[in-house]
Protein backbone atom coordinates (compact mmCIF):
# COMPACT_ATOMS: atom_id res chain seq x y z
CA MET A 1 -0.08 -0.04 -0.14
CA ARG A 2 1.21 3.94 -0.65
CA ILE A 3 1.72 6.52 2.22
CA GLY A 4 -1.91 7.70 1.97
CA GLU A 5 -3.63 4.22 2.44
CA LEU A 6 -1.77 3.53 5.51
CA ALA A 7 -2.37 6.83 6.92
CA GLU A 8 -5.88 6.42 6.18
CA GLN A 9 -5.65 2.98 7.63
CA ALA A 10 -3.88 4.08 10.64
CA GLY A 11 -6.11 6.97 11.61
CA THR A 12 -2.87 9.42 11.28
CA THR A 13 -1.45 11.45 8.66
CA THR A 14 0.97 11.29 5.95
CA ARG A 15 3.47 13.73 7.57
CA THR A 16 3.27 11.77 10.85
CA LEU A 17 4.21 8.54 9.22
CA ARG A 18 7.18 10.70 7.45
CA TYR A 19 8.58 11.46 10.27
CA TYR A 20 8.23 7.82 11.92
CA GLU A 21 10.11 6.93 8.98
CA SER A 22 13.05 9.93 9.65
CA ARG A 23 13.44 8.69 13.05
CA GLY A 24 14.14 5.21 12.14
CA LEU A 25 10.32 3.71 13.69
CA LEU A 26 9.25 3.05 10.18
CA PRO A 27 11.15 0.96 7.38
CA ALA A 28 11.40 3.16 4.25
CA ARG A 29 10.58 1.01 1.29
CA ARG A 30 10.15 2.08 -1.87
CA ALA A 31 8.66 0.86 -5.02
CA GLU A 32 10.56 0.96 -8.73
CA ASN A 33 8.60 4.27 -9.25
CA GLY A 34 10.05 5.78 -6.00
CA TYR A 35 6.46 5.86 -3.96
CA ARG A 36 6.82 4.83 -0.57
CA THR A 37 5.12 1.29 0.05
CA TYR A 38 4.03 -0.66 2.67
CA ASP A 39 1.98 -3.54 4.12
CA ASP A 40 0.15 -5.01 7.10
CA SER A 41 3.26 -5.34 9.33
CA ASP A 42 3.59 -1.55 8.83
CA LEU A 43 0.36 -0.67 9.93
CA ARG A 44 0.79 -2.96 12.93
CA LEU A 45 4.07 -0.87 13.78
CA ILE A 46 2.11 2.40 13.61
CA GLN A 47 -1.00 1.00 15.65
CA GLN A 48 1.09 -0.07 18.31
CA ILE A 49 2.91 3.51 18.49
CA ARG A 50 -0.18 5.17 18.45
CA THR A 51 -1.71 3.17 21.51
CA LEU A 52 1.56 3.90 23.25
CA GLN A 53 1.37 6.92 22.84
CA ASP A 54 -2.08 7.45 23.91
CA PHE A 55 -0.81 5.43 27.30
CA GLY A 56 1.48 8.55 27.80
CA PHE A 57 4.60 7.01 26.18
CA ASP A 58 7.04 9.53 24.33
CA LEU A 59 8.26 8.41 20.69
CA GLU A 60 11.49 7.15 21.70
CA GLU A 61 10.18 4.85 24.45
CA THR A 62 8.24 3.01 22.00
CA ARG A 63 11.17 1.90 20.16
CA PRO A 64 11.87 -1.40 21.85
CA PHE A 65 7.99 -2.47 21.33
CA VAL A 66 8.65 -1.46 17.23
CA ASP A 67 12.00 -3.73 17.66
CA CYS A 68 9.96 -6.47 18.99
CA LEU A 69 7.34 -6.55 16.25
CA ARG A 70 10.12 -6.33 13.52
CA ALA A 71 11.73 -9.07 14.98
CA GLY A 72 8.93 -11.23 14.15
CA HIS A 73 7.33 -11.46 17.59
CA PRO A 74 3.56 -11.62 17.52
CA ALA A 75 3.38 -8.52 20.23
CA GLY A 76 5.48 -5.75 20.66
CA ASP A 77 5.46 -6.12 24.58
CA ALA A 78 6.81 -9.73 23.79
CA CYS A 79 10.64 -8.74 24.41
CA PRO A 80 12.42 -7.99 27.53
CA ALA A 81 13.19 -4.28 26.71
CA SER A 82 9.65 -3.61 26.26
CA LEU A 83 8.75 -5.36 29.41
CA ALA A 84 11.91 -2.92 30.78
CA VAL A 85 9.96 -0.05 29.33
CA TYR A 86 6.43 -0.62 31.17
CA ARG A 87 8.77 -1.24 34.40
CA ARG A 88 10.20 2.47 33.86
CA LYS A 89 6.63 3.97 32.73
CA LEU A 90 4.83 2.35 35.78
CA ASP A 91 7.48 3.83 38.13
CA GLU A 92 6.90 7.16 36.45
CA LEU A 93 3.11 6.87 36.82
CA ASP A 94 3.82 5.95 40.93
CA ALA A 95 5.90 8.78 41.19
CA LEU A 96 3.49 11.14 39.29
CA ILE A 97 0.32 9.40 41.42
CA ASP A 98 2.51 10.18 44.72
CA GLN A 99 3.05 13.79 43.96
CA LEU A 100 -0.68 14.43 43.08
CA ARG A 101 -2.07 13.04 46.27
CA SER A 102 0.52 15.11 48.28
CA VAL A 103 -0.70 18.20 46.29
CA ARG A 104 -4.41 17.43 46.42
CA THR A 105 -3.66 17.02 50.27
CA GLU A 106 -2.18 20.18 50.66
CA VAL A 107 -5.17 21.77 48.54
CA GLY A 108 -7.49 20.21 50.75
CA ALA A 109 -5.79 21.89 54.04
CA HIS A 110 -5.89 25.26 52.17
CA LEU A 111 -9.60 24.79 51.11
CA ALA A 112 -10.33 23.64 55.27
CA ARG A 113 -8.43 26.50 56.51
CA ALA A 114 -9.86 28.92 54.13
CA GLU A 115 -13.27 27.98 54.79
CA LEU A 116 -12.78 28.13 58.77
CA GLU A 117 -11.68 31.49 58.67
CA ALA A 118 -14.63 32.84 56.18
CA SER A 119 -17.11 30.65 58.76
CA ALA A 120 -15.56 32.57 61.92
CA GLU A 121 -16.99 35.83 62.95
CA LEU A 122 -14.35 37.71 64.02
CA PRO A 123 -15.65 40.35 66.57
CA GLY A 124 -14.60 44.47 66.00
CA GLY A 125 -12.97 42.90 62.59
CA PRO A 126 -13.67 44.28 59.23
CA ALA A 127 -16.51 42.20 57.20
CA PRO A 128 -14.87 39.90 54.46
CA ARG A 129 -14.59 41.58 51.32
CA CYS A 130 -14.80 39.73 47.72
CA GLU A 131 -12.74 41.22 44.96
CA LEU A 132 -15.62 40.84 42.71
CA ASP A 133 -18.22 42.64 43.05
CA TRP A 134 -21.18 40.90 41.25
CA GLU A 135 -23.59 43.38 41.41
CA ASP A 136 -21.60 46.05 39.50
CA GLU A 137 -21.26 43.73 36.51
CA ASP A 138 -24.48 44.83 34.99
CA ARG A 139 -23.49 48.47 34.34
């Protein structure tokens, strides 16, 4: 198949396929007339790359999966290098989840403090003032 057909079947653009080719992820085979030619194995490579990118893998992280498929394995994650990338990605995700939990705890503490201060009556103190005066917006 030609590049336009592959792009259509893979749900991507010819520009993206040329970029993958320039990065060495997609083989650069040409017919006698100079046109790029592809087959179903190339479609499988593109599907693997796109799936991994949907999961948050950067393009270079997809390389071991592509290499595994090119080596003739039925799945891109059947090789040790691919499994190592999965492990690194899980470690990265775990660290991000821990960081988000920490930020959530801090935001929750700030909210609790702010709600407590907003509900407390301060004798003799000025009334709380909101920076936005919603009644003046219609003017």
